[in-house]
């Protein structure tokens, strides 16, 4: 079984939390029994998370050696210009080394399918924000956030929209569906 889940902001990619007070987890979304997350999505990120009850499938999806492309909608602080996008496309030097080249394009407006975030992101009246669609084939810790910051565009909101052939495609925040395998 393969499940596509649209993880809301502020939810852990696990079923339990030992923090005091406990934070919201996957257990609050009535997912099928016996499924586990194939990879991670940070607490403060949103969007597509795949879950499965098939260990080898989970390993294939989450292992960097299979290089499944992951595409993100990234709202950044500042105007995404050609020089920013070119730097992302060439690879960015981070403290743990050079990233692989990414696919990057600027979006002209907020996508009409994007749901409001709760809580809303912070905005500054004197600094514009813009949207980038970014595809990577690695999975370093907080990689997209670190990449956009390294080119001078701090991430305000991060929404994963696809993993390999699997896409959000209208899946509401907090909802899930079975995917073809």
N, C-alpha and C. Protein backbone atom coordinates (compact mmCIF):
# COMPACT_ATOMS: atom_id res chain seq x y z
N UNK A 1 0.85 -1.18 0.00
CA UNK A 1 0.00 0.00 0.00
C UNK A 1 0.90 1.24 0.00
N UNK A 2 0.50 2.23 -0.78
CA UNK A 2 1.22 3.50 -0.83
C UNK A 2 0.19 4.61 -0.62
N UNK A 3 0.49 5.50 0.32
CA UNK A 3 -0.41 6.58 0.71
C UNK A 3 0.26 7.92 0.40
N UNK A 4 -0.48 8.82 -0.22
CA UNK A 4 -0.06 10.21 -0.38
C UNK A 4 -0.78 11.02 0.69
N UNK A 5 -0.03 11.76 1.48
CA UNK A 5 -0.59 12.56 2.58
C UNK A 5 -0.12 13.99 2.42
N UNK A 6 -1.01 14.95 2.55
CA UNK A 6 -0.65 16.36 2.51
C UNK A 6 -0.43 16.82 3.95
N UNK A 7 0.84 16.78 4.37
CA UNK A 7 1.19 17.10 5.75
C UNK A 7 1.01 18.59 6.02
N UNK A 8 0.22 18.94 7.02
CA UNK A 8 0.08 20.34 7.37
C UNK A 8 1.33 20.89 8.07
N UNK A 9 1.45 22.19 8.08
CA UNK A 9 2.48 22.88 8.85
C UNK A 9 2.32 22.50 10.32
N UNK A 10 3.44 22.30 11.02
CA UNK A 10 3.39 22.04 12.45
C UNK A 10 3.01 20.64 12.85
N UNK A 11 3.26 19.66 11.95
CA UNK A 11 2.98 18.25 12.26
C UNK A 11 4.29 17.48 12.09
N UNK A 12 4.59 16.61 13.06
CA UNK A 12 5.78 15.75 12.96
C UNK A 12 5.53 14.60 12.00
N UNK A 13 6.57 14.16 11.30
CA UNK A 13 6.48 13.02 10.37
C UNK A 13 6.69 11.70 11.11
N UNK A 14 6.06 11.55 12.22
CA UNK A 14 6.11 10.32 12.99
C UNK A 14 4.79 10.18 13.73
N UNK A 15 4.57 9.02 14.34
CA UNK A 15 3.28 8.76 14.95
C UNK A 15 3.25 9.03 16.45
N UNK A 16 4.40 9.26 17.07
CA UNK A 16 4.45 9.57 18.50
C UNK A 16 5.41 10.73 18.72
N UNK A 17 5.25 11.39 19.87
CA UNK A 17 6.15 12.47 20.25
C UNK A 17 6.28 12.47 21.76
N UNK A 18 7.52 12.46 22.23
CA UNK A 18 7.78 12.43 23.67
C UNK A 18 7.97 13.83 24.25
N UNK A 19 7.82 14.87 23.43
CA UNK A 19 8.00 16.24 23.92
C UNK A 19 6.92 16.58 24.93
N UNK A 20 7.24 17.55 25.78
CA UNK A 20 6.25 18.07 26.72
C UNK A 20 6.13 19.56 26.46
N UNK A 21 4.99 20.06 26.04
CA UNK A 21 3.80 19.28 25.67
C UNK A 21 4.02 18.58 24.34
N UNK A 22 3.28 17.50 24.08
CA UNK A 22 3.45 16.78 22.81
C UNK A 22 3.01 17.64 21.63
N UNK A 23 3.71 17.45 20.52
CA UNK A 23 3.37 18.16 19.28
C UNK A 23 2.46 17.28 18.43
N UNK A 24 1.73 17.88 17.49
CA UNK A 24 0.88 17.08 16.60
C UNK A 24 1.73 16.10 15.78
N UNK A 25 1.20 14.89 15.58
CA UNK A 25 1.90 13.85 14.83
C UNK A 25 0.96 13.26 13.77
N UNK A 26 1.48 12.33 13.00
CA UNK A 26 0.69 11.63 11.98
C UNK A 26 -0.47 10.85 12.59
N UNK A 27 -0.37 10.51 13.88
CA UNK A 27 -1.42 9.73 14.54
C UNK A 27 -2.77 10.45 14.54
N UNK A 28 -2.77 11.76 14.35
CA UNK A 28 -4.02 12.51 14.40
C UNK A 28 -4.77 12.57 13.09
N UNK A 29 -4.39 11.76 12.08
CA UNK A 29 -5.00 11.89 10.76
C UNK A 29 -5.66 10.62 10.23
N UNK A 30 -5.93 9.65 11.09
CA UNK A 30 -6.64 8.42 10.73
C UNK A 30 -6.05 7.73 9.50
N UNK A 31 -4.71 7.67 9.47
CA UNK A 31 -4.02 6.95 8.39
C UNK A 31 -4.19 5.46 8.59
N UNK A 32 -4.08 4.66 7.54
CA UNK A 32 -4.20 3.21 7.70
C UNK A 32 -3.14 2.66 8.66
N UNK A 33 -3.49 1.62 9.37
CA UNK A 33 -2.56 0.99 10.31
C UNK A 33 -1.39 0.38 9.56
N UNK A 34 -0.22 0.43 10.18
CA UNK A 34 0.96 -0.26 9.65
C UNK A 34 1.74 0.51 8.60
N UNK A 35 1.38 1.76 8.31
CA UNK A 35 2.15 2.53 7.34
C UNK A 35 3.18 3.40 8.06
N UNK A 36 4.28 3.65 7.38
CA UNK A 36 5.36 4.48 7.91
C UNK A 36 5.80 5.46 6.83
N UNK A 37 6.31 6.60 7.28
CA UNK A 37 6.75 7.64 6.35
C UNK A 37 7.96 7.18 5.55
N UNK A 38 7.91 7.45 4.25
CA UNK A 38 9.04 7.19 3.35
C UNK A 38 9.79 8.52 3.20
N UNK A 39 10.70 8.77 4.12
CA UNK A 39 11.41 10.04 4.14
C UNK A 39 10.80 10.97 5.18
N UNK A 40 11.26 12.20 5.14
CA UNK A 40 10.82 13.16 6.14
C UNK A 40 10.41 14.47 5.49
N UNK A 41 9.68 15.24 6.22
CA UNK A 41 9.34 16.59 5.85
C UNK A 41 9.35 17.35 7.17
N UNK A 42 10.12 18.42 7.25
CA UNK A 42 10.30 19.14 8.50
C UNK A 42 8.99 19.57 9.13
N UNK A 43 9.01 19.74 10.44
CA UNK A 43 7.87 20.20 11.23
C UNK A 43 7.28 21.47 10.64
N UNK A 44 8.16 22.39 10.17
CA UNK A 44 7.69 23.68 9.66
C UNK A 44 7.55 23.70 8.14
N UNK A 45 7.54 22.54 7.51
CA UNK A 45 7.29 22.42 6.07
C UNK A 45 5.96 21.71 5.87
N UNK A 46 5.40 21.85 4.68
CA UNK A 46 4.09 21.29 4.37
C UNK A 46 4.17 20.47 3.10
N UNK A 47 3.10 19.75 2.82
CA UNK A 47 2.97 19.13 1.52
C UNK A 47 3.10 17.63 1.51
N UNK A 48 3.47 17.12 0.34
CA UNK A 48 3.41 15.69 0.06
C UNK A 48 4.38 14.87 0.90
N UNK A 49 3.82 13.89 1.58
CA UNK A 49 4.57 12.88 2.31
C UNK A 49 4.02 11.54 1.86
N UNK A 50 4.89 10.63 1.43
CA UNK A 50 4.45 9.29 1.06
C UNK A 50 4.64 8.37 2.24
N UNK A 51 3.68 7.47 2.45
CA UNK A 51 3.74 6.47 3.51
C UNK A 51 3.43 5.12 2.90
N UNK A 52 4.02 4.07 3.49
CA UNK A 52 3.80 2.73 2.96
C UNK A 52 3.92 1.71 4.08
N UNK A 53 3.39 0.53 3.79
CA UNK A 53 3.57 -0.61 4.69
C UNK A 53 4.61 -1.57 4.10
N UNK A 54 5.28 -1.17 3.03
CA UNK A 54 6.26 -1.98 2.30
C UNK A 54 7.66 -1.44 2.55
N UNK A 55 8.43 -2.14 3.40
CA UNK A 55 9.78 -1.69 3.77
C UNK A 55 10.69 -1.41 2.60
N UNK A 56 10.82 -2.33 1.62
CA UNK A 56 11.67 -2.04 0.46
C UNK A 56 11.22 -0.81 -0.33
N UNK A 57 9.91 -0.60 -0.45
CA UNK A 57 9.42 0.59 -1.16
C UNK A 57 9.81 1.85 -0.38
N UNK A 58 9.65 1.82 0.95
CA UNK A 58 10.04 2.97 1.78
C UNK A 58 11.53 3.26 1.58
N UNK A 59 12.35 2.23 1.58
CA UNK A 59 13.80 2.42 1.39
C UNK A 59 14.10 3.02 0.03
N UNK A 60 13.41 2.56 -1.00
CA UNK A 60 13.67 3.07 -2.35
C UNK A 60 13.29 4.54 -2.45
N UNK A 61 12.15 4.92 -1.91
CA UNK A 61 11.68 6.30 -1.99
C UNK A 61 12.60 7.23 -1.19
N UNK A 62 13.01 6.79 -0.02
CA UNK A 62 13.75 7.69 0.87
C UNK A 62 15.27 7.65 0.69
N UNK A 63 15.81 6.63 0.07
CA UNK A 63 17.27 6.52 -0.07
C UNK A 63 17.81 7.49 -1.11
N UNK A 64 18.87 8.25 -0.77
CA UNK A 64 19.47 9.17 -1.73
C UNK A 64 20.06 8.45 -2.95
N UNK A 65 20.39 7.18 -2.83
CA UNK A 65 21.03 6.50 -3.97
C UNK A 65 20.07 6.30 -5.14
N UNK A 66 18.75 6.35 -4.89
CA UNK A 66 17.78 6.20 -5.98
C UNK A 66 17.43 7.54 -6.63
N UNK A 67 17.81 8.65 -5.99
CA UNK A 67 17.68 10.00 -6.55
C UNK A 67 16.28 10.33 -7.05
N UNK A 68 15.26 9.97 -6.28
CA UNK A 68 13.90 10.35 -6.66
C UNK A 68 13.82 11.87 -6.64
N UNK A 69 13.32 12.49 -7.70
CA UNK A 69 13.19 13.95 -7.69
C UNK A 69 12.08 14.38 -6.74
N UNK A 70 12.37 15.45 -6.01
CA UNK A 70 11.39 16.03 -5.09
C UNK A 70 11.23 17.50 -5.49
N UNK A 71 9.99 17.90 -5.75
CA UNK A 71 9.72 19.27 -6.20
C UNK A 71 8.99 20.03 -5.11
N UNK A 72 9.43 21.26 -4.93
CA UNK A 72 8.92 22.12 -3.87
C UNK A 72 8.43 23.44 -4.44
N UNK A 73 7.38 23.97 -3.85
CA UNK A 73 6.98 25.35 -4.04
C UNK A 73 7.59 26.10 -2.87
N UNK A 74 8.42 27.09 -3.17
CA UNK A 74 9.15 27.80 -2.12
C UNK A 74 8.78 29.28 -2.18
N UNK A 75 8.17 29.76 -1.13
CA UNK A 75 7.95 31.20 -1.01
C UNK A 75 9.17 31.78 -0.32
N UNK A 76 9.82 32.74 -0.99
CA UNK A 76 11.06 33.32 -0.47
C UNK A 76 10.89 34.80 -0.21
N UNK A 77 11.72 35.28 0.69
CA UNK A 77 11.76 36.71 0.95
C UNK A 77 12.70 37.34 -0.06
N UNK A 78 12.21 38.28 -0.84
CA UNK A 78 12.97 38.91 -1.89
C UNK A 78 12.45 38.49 -3.25
N UNK A 79 12.92 39.17 -4.27
CA UNK A 79 12.51 38.88 -5.64
C UNK A 79 13.48 37.89 -6.27
N UNK A 80 12.97 36.73 -6.67
CA UNK A 80 13.81 35.70 -7.31
C UNK A 80 14.19 36.18 -8.71
N UNK A 81 15.47 36.44 -8.90
CA UNK A 81 15.97 36.94 -10.19
C UNK A 81 16.77 35.84 -10.88
N UNK A 82 17.12 36.10 -12.14
CA UNK A 82 17.87 35.11 -12.93
C UNK A 82 19.14 34.67 -12.24
N UNK A 83 19.88 35.57 -11.60
CA UNK A 83 21.14 35.19 -10.95
C UNK A 83 20.91 34.24 -9.77
N UNK A 84 19.79 34.41 -9.07
CA UNK A 84 19.46 33.48 -7.98
C UNK A 84 19.16 32.09 -8.55
N UNK A 85 18.32 32.08 -9.58
CA UNK A 85 17.92 30.81 -10.19
C UNK A 85 19.11 30.11 -10.83
N UNK A 86 19.99 30.86 -11.50
CA UNK A 86 21.19 30.27 -12.11
C UNK A 86 22.08 29.63 -11.05
N UNK A 87 22.23 30.29 -9.90
CA UNK A 87 23.05 29.72 -8.82
C UNK A 87 22.45 28.40 -8.33
N UNK A 88 21.13 28.35 -8.18
CA UNK A 88 20.48 27.11 -7.75
C UNK A 88 20.65 26.01 -8.79
N UNK A 89 20.59 26.39 -10.06
CA UNK A 89 20.73 25.41 -11.15
C UNK A 89 22.15 24.85 -11.25
N UNK A 90 23.14 25.62 -10.83
CA UNK A 90 24.54 25.17 -10.90
C UNK A 90 24.95 24.35 -9.69
N UNK A 91 24.24 24.51 -8.59
CA UNK A 91 24.63 23.89 -7.32
C UNK A 91 25.12 24.97 -6.39
N UNK A 92 24.82 24.83 -5.12
CA UNK A 92 25.13 25.85 -4.12
C UNK A 92 26.08 25.25 -3.10
N UNK A 93 27.08 26.02 -2.70
CA UNK A 93 28.00 25.57 -1.66
C UNK A 93 27.34 25.78 -0.30
N UNK A 94 27.16 24.68 0.42
CA UNK A 94 26.63 24.71 1.78
C UNK A 94 27.74 24.28 2.73
N UNK A 95 27.50 24.35 4.03
CA UNK A 95 28.55 23.97 4.98
C UNK A 95 28.90 22.47 4.90
N UNK A 96 28.04 21.65 4.30
CA UNK A 96 28.33 20.23 4.13
C UNK A 96 28.66 19.88 2.68
N UNK A 97 29.05 20.88 1.90
CA UNK A 97 29.50 20.63 0.53
C UNK A 97 28.57 21.21 -0.53
N UNK A 98 28.99 21.05 -1.77
CA UNK A 98 28.25 21.55 -2.93
C UNK A 98 27.03 20.68 -3.19
N UNK A 99 25.89 21.33 -3.40
CA UNK A 99 24.68 20.58 -3.74
C UNK A 99 24.73 20.18 -5.21
N UNK A 100 23.98 19.19 -5.55
CA UNK A 100 23.82 18.84 -6.96
C UNK A 100 22.99 19.93 -7.62
N UNK A 101 23.14 20.11 -8.92
CA UNK A 101 22.32 21.11 -9.61
C UNK A 101 20.83 20.82 -9.42
N UNK A 102 20.07 21.89 -9.27
CA UNK A 102 18.62 21.79 -9.10
C UNK A 102 17.93 22.35 -10.34
N UNK A 103 16.68 21.98 -10.52
CA UNK A 103 15.84 22.65 -11.50
C UNK A 103 15.15 23.77 -10.74
N UNK A 104 15.19 24.99 -11.28
CA UNK A 104 14.62 26.12 -10.58
C UNK A 104 13.95 27.06 -11.57
N UNK A 105 12.75 27.49 -11.23
CA UNK A 105 12.06 28.48 -12.05
C UNK A 105 11.25 29.39 -11.14
N UNK A 106 11.16 30.66 -11.54
CA UNK A 106 10.36 31.63 -10.79
C UNK A 106 8.92 31.55 -11.27
N UNK A 107 7.99 31.69 -10.36
CA UNK A 107 6.58 31.73 -10.70
C UNK A 107 6.14 33.20 -10.71
N UNK A 108 5.26 33.54 -11.60
CA UNK A 108 4.83 34.93 -11.74
C UNK A 108 3.82 35.36 -10.68
N UNK A 109 3.15 34.39 -10.07
CA UNK A 109 2.15 34.72 -9.06
C UNK A 109 1.96 33.54 -8.12
N UNK A 110 1.21 33.78 -7.07
CA UNK A 110 0.88 32.72 -6.12
C UNK A 110 0.00 31.70 -6.84
N UNK A 111 0.35 30.42 -6.80
CA UNK A 111 -0.52 29.42 -7.45
C UNK A 111 -1.93 29.44 -6.85
N UNK A 112 -2.93 29.34 -7.71
CA UNK A 112 -4.31 29.43 -7.23
C UNK A 112 -4.74 28.23 -6.39
N UNK A 113 -4.00 27.14 -6.47
CA UNK A 113 -4.35 25.95 -5.69
C UNK A 113 -3.79 25.98 -4.27
N UNK A 114 -2.90 26.94 -3.98
CA UNK A 114 -2.22 26.96 -2.68
C UNK A 114 -3.18 27.39 -1.57
N UNK A 115 -3.31 26.57 -0.55
CA UNK A 115 -4.17 26.83 0.59
C UNK A 115 -3.50 27.83 1.53
N UNK A 116 -4.28 28.55 2.33
CA UNK A 116 -3.69 29.46 3.32
C UNK A 116 -2.98 28.67 4.41
N UNK A 117 -1.87 29.20 4.89
CA UNK A 117 -1.16 28.51 5.97
C UNK A 117 -1.67 29.01 7.31
N UNK A 118 -1.76 28.09 8.25
CA UNK A 118 -2.16 28.41 9.61
C UNK A 118 -1.06 27.96 10.55
N UNK A 119 -0.35 28.88 11.20
CA UNK A 119 -0.51 30.33 11.17
C UNK A 119 0.06 30.92 9.88
N UNK A 120 -0.41 32.12 9.53
CA UNK A 120 0.12 32.76 8.31
C UNK A 120 1.61 33.05 8.44
N UNK A 121 2.30 33.14 7.30
CA UNK A 121 3.72 33.47 7.34
C UNK A 121 3.88 34.94 7.69
N UNK A 122 5.07 35.28 8.18
CA UNK A 122 5.36 36.69 8.47
C UNK A 122 5.63 37.39 7.14
N UNK A 123 5.22 38.61 7.05
CA UNK A 123 5.51 39.41 5.86
C UNK A 123 6.03 40.77 6.30
N UNK A 124 6.83 41.38 5.43
CA UNK A 124 7.33 42.73 5.69
C UNK A 124 6.89 43.61 4.53
N UNK A 125 6.30 44.75 4.86
CA UNK A 125 5.77 45.63 3.82
C UNK A 125 6.86 46.17 2.91
N UNK A 126 8.09 46.30 3.43
CA UNK A 126 9.17 46.90 2.64
C UNK A 126 9.98 45.89 1.85
N UNK A 127 9.73 44.59 2.06
CA UNK A 127 10.49 43.55 1.36
C UNK A 127 9.52 42.67 0.59
N UNK A 128 9.68 42.58 -0.73
CA UNK A 128 8.76 41.73 -1.50
C UNK A 128 9.05 40.25 -1.24
N UNK A 129 8.11 39.41 -1.60
CA UNK A 129 8.37 37.98 -1.59
C UNK A 129 8.01 37.45 -2.96
N UNK A 130 8.50 36.25 -3.26
CA UNK A 130 8.25 35.64 -4.56
C UNK A 130 8.22 34.13 -4.39
N UNK A 131 7.84 33.45 -5.47
CA UNK A 131 7.70 31.99 -5.44
C UNK A 131 8.64 31.36 -6.45
N UNK A 132 9.26 30.26 -6.02
CA UNK A 132 10.15 29.47 -6.87
C UNK A 132 9.65 28.04 -6.85
N UNK A 133 9.71 27.37 -8.00
CA UNK A 133 9.51 25.93 -8.04
C UNK A 133 10.90 25.32 -8.16
N UNK A 134 11.25 24.45 -7.22
CA UNK A 134 12.61 23.92 -7.12
C UNK A 134 12.55 22.39 -7.03
N UNK A 135 13.32 21.72 -7.89
CA UNK A 135 13.38 20.26 -7.86
C UNK A 135 14.81 19.84 -7.53
N UNK A 136 14.94 18.99 -6.51
CA UNK A 136 16.24 18.46 -6.11
C UNK A 136 16.20 16.94 -6.15
N UNK A 137 17.38 16.32 -6.16
CA UNK A 137 17.48 14.86 -6.16
C UNK A 137 18.33 14.37 -4.99
N UNK A 138 18.52 15.23 -4.03
CA UNK A 138 19.22 14.87 -2.80
C UNK A 138 18.22 15.00 -1.66
N UNK A 139 18.66 14.77 -0.47
CA UNK A 139 17.77 14.93 0.67
C UNK A 139 18.52 15.31 1.93
N UNK A 140 19.40 16.30 1.81
CA UNK A 140 20.13 16.75 2.99
C UNK A 140 19.18 17.45 3.96
N UNK A 141 19.60 17.50 5.21
CA UNK A 141 18.80 18.13 6.24
C UNK A 141 18.53 19.60 5.89
N UNK A 142 17.25 19.96 5.81
CA UNK A 142 16.80 21.33 5.54
C UNK A 142 17.47 21.92 4.30
N UNK A 143 17.70 21.07 3.31
CA UNK A 143 18.47 21.46 2.13
C UNK A 143 17.87 22.62 1.35
N UNK A 144 16.59 22.58 1.05
CA UNK A 144 15.99 23.65 0.25
C UNK A 144 16.10 24.98 0.99
N UNK A 145 15.81 25.00 2.26
CA UNK A 145 15.92 26.23 3.05
C UNK A 145 17.36 26.75 3.04
N UNK A 146 18.31 25.87 3.18
CA UNK A 146 19.72 26.30 3.19
C UNK A 146 20.15 26.78 1.81
N UNK A 147 19.65 26.14 0.75
CA UNK A 147 20.01 26.56 -0.61
C UNK A 147 19.48 27.96 -0.92
N UNK A 148 18.21 28.20 -0.62
CA UNK A 148 17.65 29.51 -0.94
C UNK A 148 18.32 30.60 -0.09
N UNK A 149 18.61 30.30 1.17
CA UNK A 149 19.31 31.28 2.01
C UNK A 149 20.70 31.58 1.46
N UNK A 150 21.38 30.55 0.96
CA UNK A 150 22.75 30.73 0.44
C UNK A 150 22.78 31.63 -0.79
N UNK A 151 21.68 31.70 -1.54
CA UNK A 151 21.65 32.59 -2.71
C UNK A 151 20.98 33.93 -2.38
N UNK A 152 20.68 34.16 -1.10
CA UNK A 152 20.14 35.45 -0.68
C UNK A 152 18.63 35.56 -0.65
N UNK A 153 17.94 34.41 -0.67
CA UNK A 153 16.48 34.40 -0.64
C UNK A 153 15.99 33.50 0.49
N UNK A 154 15.88 34.01 1.71
CA UNK A 154 15.42 33.16 2.81
C UNK A 154 14.03 32.59 2.56
N UNK A 155 13.84 31.34 2.91
CA UNK A 155 12.55 30.67 2.73
C UNK A 155 11.57 31.13 3.79
N UNK A 156 10.38 31.50 3.32
CA UNK A 156 9.28 31.85 4.21
C UNK A 156 8.30 30.69 4.37
N UNK A 157 8.07 29.97 3.28
CA UNK A 157 7.14 28.84 3.29
C UNK A 157 7.64 27.79 2.32
N UNK A 158 7.54 26.53 2.73
CA UNK A 158 8.04 25.43 1.91
C UNK A 158 6.97 24.35 1.80
N UNK A 159 6.54 24.07 0.56
CA UNK A 159 5.49 23.08 0.30
C UNK A 159 6.02 22.09 -0.72
N UNK A 160 6.13 20.81 -0.32
CA UNK A 160 6.55 19.79 -1.29
C UNK A 160 5.34 19.41 -2.13
N UNK A 161 5.52 19.48 -3.46
CA UNK A 161 4.38 19.22 -4.35
C UNK A 161 4.50 17.90 -5.09
N UNK A 162 5.72 17.31 -5.14
CA UNK A 162 5.82 15.99 -5.77
C UNK A 162 7.05 15.24 -5.28
N UNK A 163 6.93 13.92 -5.35
CA UNK A 163 8.03 12.99 -5.09
C UNK A 163 7.97 11.97 -6.22
N UNK A 164 9.00 11.96 -7.08
CA UNK A 164 8.96 11.08 -8.24
C UNK A 164 7.69 11.33 -9.02
N UNK A 165 6.94 10.28 -9.38
CA UNK A 165 5.73 10.46 -10.17
C UNK A 165 4.49 10.84 -9.33
N UNK A 166 4.64 10.92 -8.04
CA UNK A 166 3.50 11.19 -7.15
C UNK A 166 3.40 12.68 -6.87
N UNK A 167 2.17 13.22 -7.01
CA UNK A 167 1.93 14.66 -6.87
C UNK A 167 0.78 14.94 -5.90
N UNK A 168 0.78 16.13 -5.34
CA UNK A 168 -0.33 16.55 -4.47
C UNK A 168 -1.65 16.58 -5.24
N UNK A 169 -1.65 17.23 -6.39
CA UNK A 169 -2.82 17.29 -7.28
C UNK A 169 -4.15 17.42 -6.56
N UNK A 170 -4.33 18.54 -5.87
CA UNK A 170 -5.63 18.83 -5.27
C UNK A 170 -5.89 18.19 -3.92
N UNK A 171 -4.94 17.47 -3.37
CA UNK A 171 -5.12 16.85 -2.07
C UNK A 171 -5.09 17.95 -1.00
N UNK A 172 -6.16 18.07 -0.24
CA UNK A 172 -6.28 19.13 0.77
C UNK A 172 -5.30 18.90 1.92
N UNK A 173 -4.91 19.97 2.56
CA UNK A 173 -4.01 19.89 3.71
C UNK A 173 -4.65 19.00 4.79
N UNK A 174 -3.91 18.00 5.27
CA UNK A 174 -4.41 17.08 6.28
C UNK A 174 -5.14 15.88 5.71
N UNK A 175 -5.32 15.82 4.38
CA UNK A 175 -6.03 14.70 3.75
C UNK A 175 -5.03 13.70 3.17
N UNK A 176 -5.51 12.48 2.92
CA UNK A 176 -4.66 11.44 2.31
C UNK A 176 -5.48 10.64 1.31
N UNK A 177 -4.75 9.93 0.44
CA UNK A 177 -5.39 9.03 -0.52
C UNK A 177 -4.41 7.90 -0.83
N UNK A 178 -4.99 6.76 -1.30
CA UNK A 178 -4.16 5.65 -1.76
C UNK A 178 -3.63 6.00 -3.14
N UNK A 179 -2.37 5.62 -3.38
CA UNK A 179 -1.71 5.87 -4.65
C UNK A 179 -1.54 4.55 -5.40
N UNK A 180 -1.54 4.59 -6.73
CA UNK A 180 -1.23 3.36 -7.47
C UNK A 180 0.24 2.98 -7.22
N UNK A 181 0.50 1.70 -7.16
CA UNK A 181 1.89 1.24 -6.92
C UNK A 181 2.52 0.72 -8.19
